[in-house]
PDB file of N, CA and C in Angstrom:
ATOM      1  N   PHE A   1       0.711  -1.042  -0.307  1.00  0.00           N
ATOM      2  CA  PHE A   1       0.173  -0.075  -0.012  1.00  0.00           C
ATOM      3  C   PHE A   1       1.319   1.198  -0.103  1.00  0.00           C
ATOM      4  N   TYR A   2       2.194   1.471  -0.392  1.00  0.00           N
ATOM      5  CA  TYR A   2       3.117   2.204  -0.463  1.00  0.00           C
ATOM      6  C   TYR A   2       2.857   3.187  -1.829  1.00  0.00           C
ATOM      7  N   PRO A   3       2.988   4.493  -1.669  1.00  0.00           N
ATOM      8  CA  PRO A   3       2.508   4.971  -3.135  1.00  0.00           C
ATOM      9  C   PRO A   3       4.080   5.468  -3.883  1.00  0.00           C
ATOM     10  N   GLU A   4       3.788   5.319  -5.120  1.00  0.00           N
ATOM     11  CA  GLU A   4       4.815   4.807  -6.151  1.00  0.00           C
ATOM     12  C   GLU A   4       5.149   6.358  -6.521  1.00  0.00           C
ATOM     13  N   ASP A   5       4.762   7.343  -5.808  1.00  0.00           N
ATOM     14  CA  ASP A   5       5.113   9.023  -5.880  1.00  0.00           C
ATOM     15  C   ASP A   5       5.009   9.266  -4.521  1.00  0.00           C
ATOM     16  N   ALA A   6       6.118  10.062  -4.060  1.00  0.00           N
ATOM     17  CA  ALA A   6       5.738  10.899  -2.780  1.00  0.00           C
ATOM     18  C   ALA A   6       6.541  12.428  -3.123  1.00  0.00           C
ATOM     19  N   THR A   7       5.911  13.507  -2.322  1.00  0.00           N
ATOM     20  CA  THR A   7       6.408  14.678  -2.574  1.00  0.00           C
ATOM     21  C   THR A   7       7.217  15.321  -1.563  1.00  0.00           C
ATOM     22  N   ILE A   8       8.216  15.500  -1.970  1.00  0.00           N
ATOM     23  CA  ILE A   8       9.229  16.632  -1.446  1.00  0.00           C
ATOM     24  C   ILE A   8       9.153  18.147  -1.641  1.00  0.00           C
ATOM     25  N   GLN A   9       8.945  18.617  -0.471  1.00  0.00           N
ATOM     26  CA  GLN A   9       8.458  19.922  -0.639  1.00  0.00           C
ATOM     27  C   GLN A   9       9.559  20.990   0.097  1.00  0.00           C
ATOM     28  N   ALA A  10       9.988  22.380  -0.205  1.00  0.00           N
ATOM     29  CA  ALA A  10      11.009  22.699   0.942  1.00  0.00           C
ATOM     30  C   ALA A  10      10.255  24.080   0.708  1.00  0.00           C
ATOM     31  N   LEU A  11      10.704  24.968   1.795  1.00  0.00           N
ATOM     32  CA  LEU A  11      10.146  26.024   2.396  1.00  0.00           C
ATOM     33  C   LEU A  11      11.392  26.802   2.780  1.00  0.00           C
ATOM     34  N   ARG A  12      11.297  28.041   2.220  1.00  0.00           N
ATOM     35  CA  ARG A  12      12.443  29.080   2.495  1.00  0.00           C
ATOM     36  C   ARG A  12      11.800  30.162   3.180  1.00  0.00           C
ATOM     37  N   ALA A  13      12.452  30.514   4.247  1.00  0.00           N
ATOM     38  CA  ALA A  13      12.110  32.392   5.414  1.00  0.00           C
ATOM     39  C   ALA A  13      13.290  32.430   5.733  1.00  0.00           C
ATOM     40  N   GLY A  14      13.659  33.742   5.014  1.00  0.00           N
ATOM     41  CA  GLY A  14      15.108  34.233   4.927  1.00  0.00           C
ATOM     42  C   GLY A  14      16.341  33.330   4.592  1.00  0.00           C
ATOM     43  N   ASP A  15      16.809  32.962   5.251  1.00  0.00           N
ATOM     44  CA  ASP A  15      17.778  32.249   5.208  1.00  0.00           C
ATOM     45  C   ASP A  15      18.228  31.276   5.818  1.00  0.00           C
ATOM     46  N   VAL A  16      16.754  30.718   6.113  1.00  0.00           N
ATOM     47  CA  VAL A  16      16.452  29.261   6.679  1.00  0.00           C
ATOM     48  C   VAL A  16      15.755  28.228   5.547  1.00  0.00           C
ATOM     49  N   LEU A  17      16.347  27.304   5.770  1.00  0.00           N
ATOM     50  CA  LEU A  17      15.683  26.378   4.428  1.00  0.00           C
ATOM     51  C   LEU A  17      14.843  25.063   5.559  1.00  0.00           C
ATOM     52  N   VAL A  18      13.972  24.594   5.271  1.00  0.00           N
ATOM     53  CA  VAL A  18      13.248  23.467   5.533  1.00  0.00           C
ATOM     54  C   VAL A  18      12.842  22.855   4.073  1.00  0.00           C
ATOM     55  N   VAL A  19      13.464  21.467   4.690  1.00  0.00           N
ATOM     56  CA  VAL A  19      12.999  20.248   3.405  1.00  0.00           C
ATOM     57  C   VAL A  19      12.501  19.553   3.989  1.00  0.00           C
ATOM     58  N   THR A  20      10.807  18.538   3.628  1.00  0.00           N
ATOM     59  CA  THR A  20       9.702  17.806   4.008  1.00  0.00           C
ATOM     60  C   THR A  20      10.171  16.565   3.210  1.00  0.00           C
ATOM     61  N   PHE A  21       9.913  15.270   3.538  1.00  0.00           N
ATOM     62  CA  PHE A  21       9.796  14.242   3.043  1.00  0.00           C
ATOM     63  C   PHE A  21       8.859  12.959   3.829  1.00  0.00           C
ATOM     64  N   PRO A  22       7.874  12.762   3.203  1.00  0.00           N
ATOM     65  CA  PRO A  22       6.647  12.211   3.910  1.00  0.00           C
ATOM     66  C   PRO A  22       7.089  10.915   4.331  1.00  0.00           C
ATOM     67  N   GLY A  23       7.718  10.569   4.948  1.00  0.00           N
ATOM     68  CA  GLY A  23       8.474   9.288   5.582  1.00  0.00           C
ATOM     69  C   GLY A  23       9.206   9.366   6.461  1.00  0.00           C
ATOM     70  N   GLU A  24       9.894   8.219   7.164  1.00  0.00           N
ATOM     71  CA  GLU A  24      10.510   8.388   7.965  1.00  0.00           C
ATOM     72  C   GLU A  24      12.064   8.031   7.755  1.00  0.00           C
ATOM     73  N   VAL A  25      12.968   8.849   8.153  1.00  0.00           N
ATOM     74  CA  VAL A  25      14.831   8.612   7.775  1.00  0.00           C
ATOM     75  C   VAL A  25      15.515   8.478   8.547  1.00  0.00           C
ATOM     76  N   GLY A  26      15.969   7.409   8.286  1.00  0.00           N
ATOM     77  CA  GLY A  26      17.297   7.125   9.263  1.00  0.00           C
ATOM     78  C   GLY A  26      18.322   8.435   9.444  1.00  0.00           C
ATOM     79  N   SER A  27      19.243   8.325  10.795  1.00  0.00           N
ATOM     80  CA  SER A  27      19.747   9.478  11.069  1.00  0.00           C
ATOM     81  C   SER A  27      20.394  10.183   9.781  1.00  0.00           C
ATOM     82  N   SER A  28      21.267   8.769   9.977  1.00  0.00           N
ATOM     83  CA  SER A  28      22.590   9.209   8.352  1.00  0.00           C
ATOM     84  C   SER A  28      21.998   9.818   7.427  1.00  0.00           C
ATOM     85  N   LEU A  29      21.165   9.245   7.147  1.00  0.00           N
ATOM     86  CA  LEU A  29      20.237   9.743   5.511  1.00  0.00           C
ATOM     87  C   LEU A  29      19.434  10.989   5.908  1.00  0.00           C
ATOM     88  N   GLY A  30      18.695  11.190   6.869  1.00  0.00           N
ATOM     89  CA  GLY A  30      18.745  12.392   6.845  1.00  0.00           C
ATOM     90  C   GLY A  30      19.671  13.637   6.709  1.00  0.00           C
ATOM     91  N   GLU A  31      20.742  13.481   7.539  1.00  0.00           N
ATOM     92  CA  GLU A  31      21.989  14.460   7.616  1.00  0.00           C
ATOM     93  C   GLU A  31      22.265  14.322   6.164  1.00  0.00           C
ATOM     94  N   ALA A  32      22.520  13.412   5.333  1.00  0.00           N
ATOM     95  CA  ALA A  32      22.974  13.552   3.644  1.00  0.00           C
ATOM     96  C   ALA A  32      22.401  14.687   3.246  1.00  0.00           C
ATOM     97  N   VAL A  33      20.692  14.576   3.709  1.00  0.00           N
ATOM     98  CA  VAL A  33      19.779  15.277   2.637  1.00  0.00           C
ATOM     99  C   VAL A  33      20.207  16.659   3.299  1.00  0.00           C
ATOM    100  N   ARG A  34      20.086  16.846   4.953  1.00  0.00           N
ATOM    101  CA  ARG A  34      20.421  18.074   4.926  1.00  0.00           C
ATOM    102  C   ARG A  34      21.719  18.906   4.727  1.00  0.00           C
ATOM    103  N   SER A  35      22.783  18.000   4.448  1.00  0.00           N
ATOM    104  CA  SER A  35      24.356  18.436   3.860  1.00  0.00           C
ATOM    105  C   SER A  35      23.747  18.719   2.631  1.00  0.00           C
ATOM    106  N   ALA A  36      23.205  17.628   1.751  1.00  0.00           N
ATOM    107  CA  ALA A  36      23.260  18.470   0.732  1.00  0.00           C
ATOM    108  C   ALA A  36      22.300  19.786  -0.042  1.00  0.00           C
ATOM    109  N   ALA A  37      20.884  19.675   0.736  1.00  0.00           N
ATOM    110  CA  ALA A  37      20.271  21.004   0.383  1.00  0.00           C
ATOM    111  C   ALA A  37      20.909  22.195   1.161  1.00  0.00           C
ATOM    112  N   ALA A  38      21.928  21.943   1.999  1.00  0.00           N
ATOM    113  CA  ALA A  38      22.515  23.242   2.708  1.00  0.00           C
ATOM    114  C   ALA A  38      23.314  23.294   1.348  1.00  0.00           C
ATOM    115  N   LYS A  39      24.280  22.044   0.986  1.00  0.00           N
ATOM    116  CA  LYS A  39      25.547  22.907   0.269  1.00  0.00           C
ATOM    117  C   LYS A  39      24.592  23.374  -1.152  1.00  0.00           C
ATOM    118  N   ALA A  40      23.691  23.114  -1.640  1.00  0.00           N
ATOM    119  CA  ALA A  40      22.975  23.477  -2.868  1.00  0.00           C
ATOM    120  C   ALA A  40      22.659  24.893  -2.993  1.00  0.00           C
ATOM    121  N   THR A  41      22.199  25.217  -1.636  1.00  0.00           N
ATOM    122  CA  THR A  41      21.121  26.591  -1.116  1.00  0.00           C
ATOM    123  C   THR A  41      22.473  27.782  -0.540  1.00  0.00           C
ATOM    124  N   GLY A  42      23.359  26.833   0.328  1.00  0.00           N
ATOM    125  CA  GLY A  42      23.588  28.368   0.913  1.00  0.00           C
ATOM    126  C   GLY A  42      23.263  28.294   2.494  1.00  0.00           C
ATOM    127  N   ALA A  43      22.326  27.935   2.477  1.00  0.00           N
ATOM    128  CA  ALA A  43      21.064  28.560   3.798  1.00  0.00           C
ATOM    129  C   ALA A  43      22.016  28.262   4.964  1.00  0.00           C
ATOM    130  N   ARG A  44      21.610  29.250   5.869  1.00  0.00           N
ATOM    131  CA  ARG A  44      22.166  29.759   7.358  1.00  0.00           C
ATOM    132  C   ARG A  44      21.812  28.199   8.150  1.00  0.00           C
ATOM    133  N   GLN A  45      20.892  28.118   8.061  1.00  0.00           N
ATOM    134  CA  GLN A  45      20.168  26.470   8.791  1.00  0.00           C
ATOM    135  C   GLN A  45      19.672  25.990   7.908  1.00  0.00           C
ATOM    136  N   THR A  46      19.540  24.764   7.453  1.00  0.00           N
ATOM    137  CA  THR A  46      18.897  23.669   7.107  1.00  0.00           C
ATOM    138  C   THR A  46      17.904  22.481   7.877  1.00  0.00           C
ATOM    139  N   ILE A  47      16.978  22.606   7.848  1.00  0.00           N
ATOM    140  CA  ILE A  47      16.158  21.965   8.745  1.00  0.00           C
ATOM    141  C   ILE A  47      15.371  20.450   7.904  1.00  0.00           C
ATOM    142  N   VAL A  48      15.736  19.328   7.859  1.00  0.00           N
ATOM    143  CA  VAL A  48      14.714  18.073   7.210  1.00  0.00           C
ATOM    144  C   VAL A  48      13.847  17.687   8.477  1.00  0.00           C
ATOM    145  N   TRP A  49      12.254  17.975   7.657  1.00  0.00           N
ATOM    146  CA  TRP A  49      11.565  17.734   8.020  1.00  0.00           C
ATOM    147  C   TRP A  49      10.488  16.126   7.824  1.00  0.00           C
ATOM    148  N   THR A  50      10.543  15.157   8.607  1.00  0.00           N
ATOM    149  CA  THR A  50       9.782  14.156   7.722  1.00  0.00           C
ATOM    150  C   THR A  50       8.515  13.438   9.073  1.00  0.00           C
ATOM    151  N   LEU A  51       7.936  12.722   8.055  1.00  0.00           N
ATOM    152  CA  LEU A  51       6.855  12.302   8.884  1.00  0.00           C
ATOM    153  C   LEU A  51       6.895  10.908   9.280  1.00  0.00           C
ATOM    154  N   THR A  52       6.976  10.497  10.838  1.00  0.00           N
ATOM    155  CA  THR A  52       7.446   9.421  11.167  1.00  0.00           C
ATOM    156  C   THR A  52       6.366   8.644  10.876  1.00  0.00           C
ATOM    157  N   ASP A  53       6.594   6.909  10.651  1.00  0.00           N
ATOM    158  CA  ASP A  53       5.604   6.219  10.328  1.00  0.00           C
ATOM    159  C   ASP A  53       4.826   6.405   8.751  1.00  0.00           C
ATOM    160  N   HIS A  54       4.435   4.985   8.498  1.00  0.00           N
ATOM    161  CA  HIS A  54       3.960   5.112   7.378  1.00  0.00           C
ATOM    162  C   HIS A  54       3.899   5.745   5.927  1.00  0.00           C
ATOM    163  N   TYR A  55       2.986   6.446   5.397  1.00  0.00           N
ATOM    164  CA  TYR A  55       2.756   6.762   3.914  1.00  0.00           C
ATOM    165  C   TYR A  55       4.000   6.158   3.121  1.00  0.00           C
ATOM    166  N   ALA A  56       5.275   7.170   3.145  1.00  0.00           N
ATOM    167  CA  ALA A  56       6.140   6.757   2.237  1.00  0.00           C
ATOM    168  C   ALA A  56       7.014   5.231   3.137  1.00  0.00           C
ATOM    169  N   GLY A  57       6.893   5.110   4.587  1.00  0.00           N
ATOM    170  CA  GLY A  57       7.478   4.229   4.773  1.00  0.00           C
ATOM    171  C   GLY A  57       8.743   4.876   5.597  1.00  0.00           C
ATOM    172  N   TYR A  58      10.134   3.593   5.747  1.00  0.00           N
ATOM    173  CA  TYR A  58      11.092   3.939   6.581  1.00  0.00           C
ATOM    174  C   TYR A  58      12.050   4.312   4.939  1.00  0.00           C
ATOM    175  N   ALA A  59      13.302   5.055   4.867  1.00  0.00           N
ATOM    176  CA  ALA A  59      13.603   5.468   4.095  1.00  0.00           C
ATOM    177  C   ALA A  59      15.687   5.520   4.908  1.00  0.00           C
ATOM    178  N   PHE A  60      16.477   4.624   4.000  1.00  0.00           N
ATOM    179  CA  PHE A  60      17.823   4.658   4.855  1.00  0.00           C
ATOM    180  C   PHE A  60      18.521   5.330   3.955  1.00  0.00           C
ATOM    181  N   SER A  61      20.403   5.298   4.339  1.00  0.00           N
ATOM    182  CA  SER A  61      21.179   5.179   3.145  1.00  0.00           C
ATOM    183  C   SER A  61      21.630   3.843   3.133  1.00  0.00           C
ATOM    184  N   ARG A  62      22.363   3.886   1.551  1.00  0.00           N
ATOM    185  CA  ARG A  62      22.738   2.763   1.507  1.00  0.00           C
ATOM    186  C   ARG A  62      23.174   1.582   2.427  1.00  0.00           C
ATOM    187  N   GLU A  63      24.000   2.489   2.741  1.00  0.00           N
ATOM    188  CA  GLU A  63      25.178   1.696   3.980  1.00  0.00           C
ATOM    189  C   GLU A  63      24.574   1.333   5.339  1.00  0.00           C
ATOM    190  N   ASP A  64      23.661   1.585   5.634  1.00  0.00           N
ATOM    191  CA  ASP A  64      22.645   1.555   6.853  1.00  0.00           C
ATOM    192  C   ASP A  64      21.441   0.695   6.213  1.00  0.00           C
ATOM    193  N   HIS A  65      21.230   0.362   4.960  1.00  0.00           N
ATOM    194  CA  HIS A  65      19.884   0.279   4.371  1.00  0.00           C
ATOM    195  C   HIS A  65      21.024  -1.860   4.193  1.00  0.00           C
ATOM    196  N   GLU A  66      22.063  -1.683   3.889  1.00  0.00           N
ATOM    197  CA  GLU A  66      22.518  -3.377   3.799  1.00  0.00           C
ATOM    198  C   GLU A  66      23.355  -3.391   4.995  1.00  0.00           C
ATOM    199  N   GLU A  67      23.398  -2.620   5.989  1.00  0.00           N
ATOM    200  CA  GLU A  67      23.726  -3.268   6.891  1.00  0.00           C
ATOM    201  C   GLU A  67      22.742  -4.073   7.970  1.00  0.00           C
ATOM    202  N   GLY A  68      21.121  -3.565   7.456  1.00  0.00           N
ATOM    203  CA  GLY A  68      19.868  -4.723   8.310  1.00  0.00           C
ATOM    204  C   GLY A  68      20.148  -3.933   9.551  1.00  0.00           C
ATOM    205  N   GLY A  69      18.877  -4.786  10.158  1.00  0.00           N
ATOM    206  CA  GLY A  69      18.823  -4.785  11.626  1.00  0.00           C
ATOM    207  C   GLY A  69      17.737  -3.671  11.842  1.00  0.00           C
ATOM    208  N   LYS A  70      17.039  -3.316  12.908  1.00  0.00           N
ATOM    209  CA  LYS A  70      16.016  -2.248  13.441  1.00  0.00           C
ATOM    210  C   LYS A  70      15.243  -2.379  12.419  1.00  0.00           C
ATOM    211  N   SER A  71      14.967  -0.809  11.542  1.00  0.00           N
ATOM    212  CA  SER A  71      13.533  -1.236  11.077  1.00  0.00           C
ATOM    213  C   SER A  71      13.795  -1.128   9.333  1.00  0.00           C
ATOM    214  N   ARG A  72      14.981  -2.065   9.236  1.00  0.00           N
ATOM    215  CA  ARG A  72      15.321  -1.911   7.571  1.00  0.00           C
ATOM    216  C   ARG A  72      14.492  -2.533   6.696  1.00  0.00           C
ATOM    217  N   HIS A  73      13.778  -3.805   7.732  1.00  0.00           N
ATOM    218  CA  HIS A  73      12.942  -4.794   6.983  1.00  0.00           C
ATOM    219  C   HIS A  73      11.443  -3.316   6.319  1.00  0.00           C
ATOM    220  N   LEU A  74      11.756  -2.437   7.113  1.00  0.00           N
ATOM    221  CA  LEU A  74      10.554  -1.937   6.438  1.00  0.00           C
ATOM    222  C   LEU A  74      10.484  -1.034   5.477  1.00  0.00           C
ATOM    223  N   SER A  75      11.573  -1.136   5.195  1.00  0.00           N
ATOM    224  CA  SER A  75      12.066  -0.191   3.549  1.00  0.00           C
ATOM    225  C   SER A  75      11.206  -0.579   2.738  1.00  0.00           C
ATOM    226  N   ALA A  76      10.472  -0.249   1.849  1.00  0.00           N
ATOM    227  CA  ALA A  76       9.831  -1.049   0.977  1.00  0.00           C
ATOM    228  C   ALA A  76       9.749  -1.033  -0.308  1.00  0.00           C
ATOM    229  N   TYR A  77      11.173   0.412  -0.268  1.00  0.00           N
ATOM    230  CA  TYR A  77      11.929   0.734  -1.818  1.00  0.00           C
ATOM    231  C   TYR A  77      13.136   0.495  -1.795  1.00  0.00           C
ATOM    232  N   GLY A  78      13.611  -0.156  -0.867  1.00  0.00           N
ATOM    233  CA  GLY A  78      14.924  -0.661  -1.072  1.00  0.00           C
ATOM    234  C   GLY A  78      16.118   0.264  -0.844  1.00  0.00           C
ATOM    235  N   PRO A  79      17.750  -0.243  -1.364  1.00  0.00           N
ATOM    236  CA  PRO A  79      18.475   0.772  -0.771  1.00  0.00           C
ATOM    237  C   PRO A  79      18.570   1.919  -1.760  1.00  0.00           C
ATOM    238  N   GLU A  80      17.990   1.949  -2.808  1.00  0.00           N
ATOM    239  CA  GLU A  80      18.581   3.023  -3.931  1.00  0.00           C
ATOM    240  C   GLU A  80      17.297   4.394  -3.545  1.00  0.00           C
ATOM    241  N   LEU A  81      16.537   4.077  -2.335  1.00  0.00           N
ATOM    242  CA  LEU A  81      15.451   5.026  -2.144  1.00  0.00           C
ATOM    243  C   LEU A  81      16.505   6.232  -1.616  1.00  0.00           C
ATOM    244  N   GLY A  82      17.352   5.892  -0.610  1.00  0.00           N
ATOM    245  CA  GLY A  82      18.202   6.877   0.381  1.00  0.00           C
ATOM    246  C   GLY A  82      19.429   8.077  -0.864  1.00  0.00           C
ATOM    247  N   ASP A  83      19.680   7.583  -1.670  1.00  0.00           N
ATOM    248  CA  ASP A  83      20.956   7.887  -3.228  1.00  0.00           C
ATOM    249  C   ASP A  83      19.735   8.567  -3.967  1.00  0.00           C
ATOM    250  N   LEU A  84      18.524   8.341  -4.201  1.00  0.00           N
ATOM    251  CA  LEU A  84      17.414   9.312  -4.697  1.00  0.00           C
ATOM    252  C   LEU A  84      16.798  10.280  -3.880  1.00  0.00           C
ATOM    253  N   LEU A  85      17.001   9.894  -2.579  1.00  0.00           N
ATOM    254  CA  LEU A  85      16.200  11.510  -2.033  1.00  0.00           C
ATOM    255  C   LEU A  85      17.232  12.110  -1.383  1.00  0.00           C
ATOM    256  N   VAL A  86      18.164  12.028  -1.369  1.00  0.00           N
ATOM    257  CA  VAL A  86      19.503  13.219  -1.713  1.00  0.00           C
ATOM    258  C   VAL A  86      19.378  14.168  -2.696  1.00  0.00           C
ATOM    259  N   GLU A  87      19.271  12.973  -3.892  1.00  0.00           N
ATOM    260  CA  GLU A  87      19.401  13.568  -5.262  1.00  0.00           C
ATOM    261  C   GLU A  87      18.400  15.116  -5.228  1.00  0.00           C
ATOM    262  N   ARG A  88      16.659  14.288  -4.866  1.00  0.00           N
ATOM    263  CA  ARG A  88      15.982  14.884  -5.513  1.00  0.00           C
ATOM    264  C   ARG A  88      15.759  16.143  -4.401  1.00  0.00           C
ATOM    265  N   ALA A  89      15.974  15.727  -3.161  1.00  0.00           N
ATOM    266  CA  ALA A  89      15.770  16.851  -2.160  1.00  0.00           C
ATOM    267  C   ALA A  89      17.172  17.758  -2.548  1.00  0.00           C
ATOM    268  N   ALA A  90      17.984  17.860  -2.959  1.00  0.00           N
ATOM    269  CA  ALA A  90      18.828  18.698  -3.145  1.00  0.00           C
ATOM    270  C   ALA A  90      18.224  19.622  -4.579  1.00  0.00           C
ATOM    271  N   ALA A  91      18.026  18.987  -5.739  1.00  0.00           N
ATOM    272  CA  ALA A  91      17.343  20.109  -5.906  1.00  0.00           C
ATOM    273  C   ALA A  91      16.030  20.582  -5.583  1.00  0.00           C
ATOM    274  N   VAL A  92      15.187  19.647  -5.311  1.00  0.00           N
ATOM    275  CA  VAL A  92      13.810  20.560  -4.950  1.00  0.00           C
ATOM    276  C   VAL A  92      14.173  22.012  -4.041  1.00  0.00           C
ATOM    277  N   ALA A  93      15.461  21.723  -2.736  1.00  0.00           N
ATOM    278  CA  ALA A  93      15.788  22.760  -1.846  1.00  0.00           C
ATOM    279  C   ALA A  93      16.034  24.228  -3.027  1.00  0.00           C
ATOM    280  N   ALA A  94      17.081  23.619  -4.000  1.00  0.00           N
ATOM    281  CA  ALA A  94      18.021  24.486  -5.128  1.00  0.00           C
ATOM    282  C   ALA A  94      16.420  25.849  -5.348  1.00  0.00           C
ATOM    283  N   ARG A  95      15.681  24.521  -5.972  1.00  0.00           N
ATOM    284  CA  ARG A  95      15.300  25.557  -7.117  1.00  0.00           C
ATOM    285  C   ARG A  95      14.059  26.501  -5.931  1.00  0.00           C
ATOM    286  N   CYS A  96      13.657  25.899  -4.605  1.00  0.00           N
ATOM    287  CA  CYS A  96      13.145  26.713  -3.949  1.00  0.00           C
ATOM    288  C   CYS A  96      13.917  28.142  -3.071  1.00  0.00           C
ATOM    289  N   TRP A  97      15.033  27.532  -3.044  1.00  0.00           N
ATOM    290  CA  TRP A  97      16.072  28.815  -2.675  1.00  0.00           C
ATOM    291  C   TRP A  97      16.284  29.697  -3.604  1.00  0.00           C
ATOM    292  N   GLU A  98      15.960  29.583  -4.823  1.00  0.00           N
ATOM    293  CA  GLU A  98      15.909  30.461  -6.318  1.00  0.00           C
ATOM    294  C   GLU A  98      14.632  31.234  -6.568  1.00  0.00           C
ATOM    295  N   LEU A  99      13.565  30.256  -6.021  1.00  0.00           N
ATOM    296  CA  LEU A  99      12.797  31.270  -6.391  1.00  0.00           C
ATOM    297  C   LEU A  99      12.111  32.189  -5.062  1.00  0.00           C
ATOM    298  N   GLY A 100      12.865  31.615  -3.875  1.00  0.00           N
ATOM    299  CA  GLY A 100      12.497  32.746  -3.120  1.00  0.00           C
ATOM    300  C   GLY A 100      12.685  34.044  -2.563  1.00  0.00           C
ATOM    301  N   GLY A 101      13.764  34.384  -3.805  1.00  0.00           N
ATOM    302  CA  GLY A 101      14.204  35.757  -3.861  1.00  0.00           C
ATOM    303  C   GLY A 101      15.925  36.137  -3.336  1.00  0.00           C
ATOM    304  N   PRO A 102      15.785  37.294  -3.157  1.00  0.00           N
ATOM    305  CA  PRO A 102      17.343  37.494  -2.939  1.00  0.00           C
ATOM    306  C   PRO A 102      17.651  37.148  -1.868  1.00  0.00           C
ATOM    307  N   ASP A 103      18.680  36.743  -1.274  1.00  0.00           N
ATOM    308  CA  ASP A 103      19.825  36.760   0.009  1.00  0.00           C
ATOM    309  C   ASP A 103      18.994  37.471   1.295  1.00  0.00           C
ATOM    310  N   PRO A 104      18.600  37.305   2.114  1.00  0.00           N
ATOM    311  CA  PRO A 104      18.067  38.298   3.118  1.00  0.00           C
ATOM    312  C   PRO A 104      19.168  39.452   3.260  1.00  0.00           C
ATOM    313  N   PRO A 105      19.273  40.584   3.703  1.00  0.00           N
ATOM    314  CA  PRO A 105      20.459  41.295   4.022  1.00  0.00           C
ATOM    315  C   PRO A 105      21.493  40.667   5.542  1.00  0.00           C
ATOM    316  N   SER A 106      22.829  40.799   5.579  1.00  0.00           N
ATOM    317  CA  SER A 106      23.320  40.237   6.617  1.00  0.00           C
ATOM    318  C   SER A 106      23.010  41.507   7.814  1.00  0.00           C
ATOM    319  N   LYS A 107      23.545  40.809   8.586  1.00  0.00           N
ATOM    320  CA  LYS A 107      23.176  41.865  10.525  1.00  0.00           C
ATOM    321  C   LYS A 107      24.600  42.933   9.955  1.00  0.00           C
ATOM    322  N   GLU A 108      25.808  42.353   9.447  1.00  0.00           N
ATOM    323  CA  GLU A 108      26.966  43.107   9.508  1.00  0.00           C
ATOM    324  C   GLU A 108      26.734  44.128   8.489  1.00  0.00           C
ATOM    325  N   ARG A 109      25.619  44.129   7.548  1.00  0.00           N
ATOM    326  CA  ARG A 109      25.702  44.836   6.805  1.00  0.00           C
ATOM    327  C   ARG A 109      24.056  45.681   6.769  1.00  0.00           C
ATOM    328  N   GLY A 110      23.395  46.016   8.307  1.00  0.00           N
ATOM    329  CA  GLY A 110      22.845  46.420   8.389  1.00  0.00           C
ATOM    330  C   GLY A 110      21.250  46.018   7.898  1.00  0.00           C
TER     331      GLY A 110
END
């Protein structure tokens, strides 16, 4: 009963970026998503906001998925989902950042 498509969203509030995913991600995958989104945008702070339990299920980095254990058996999409999520989340974040307007003025400039 898992969906074939899931929506990844991003929200820019000044120099803060929020990236969402409708599933539960392992901590190392969440960090990879956060890092890729931050690199793609230059955001001062990047937050990864996920939905725990169900909808798109669990997602793990390839390494964590292949290691096994814990909730890895609940990952319906396999080890490829982690790599895809990092790639797509960074792309969505970059587009959101671009459309969100100019960078806010720095505190140093006043």
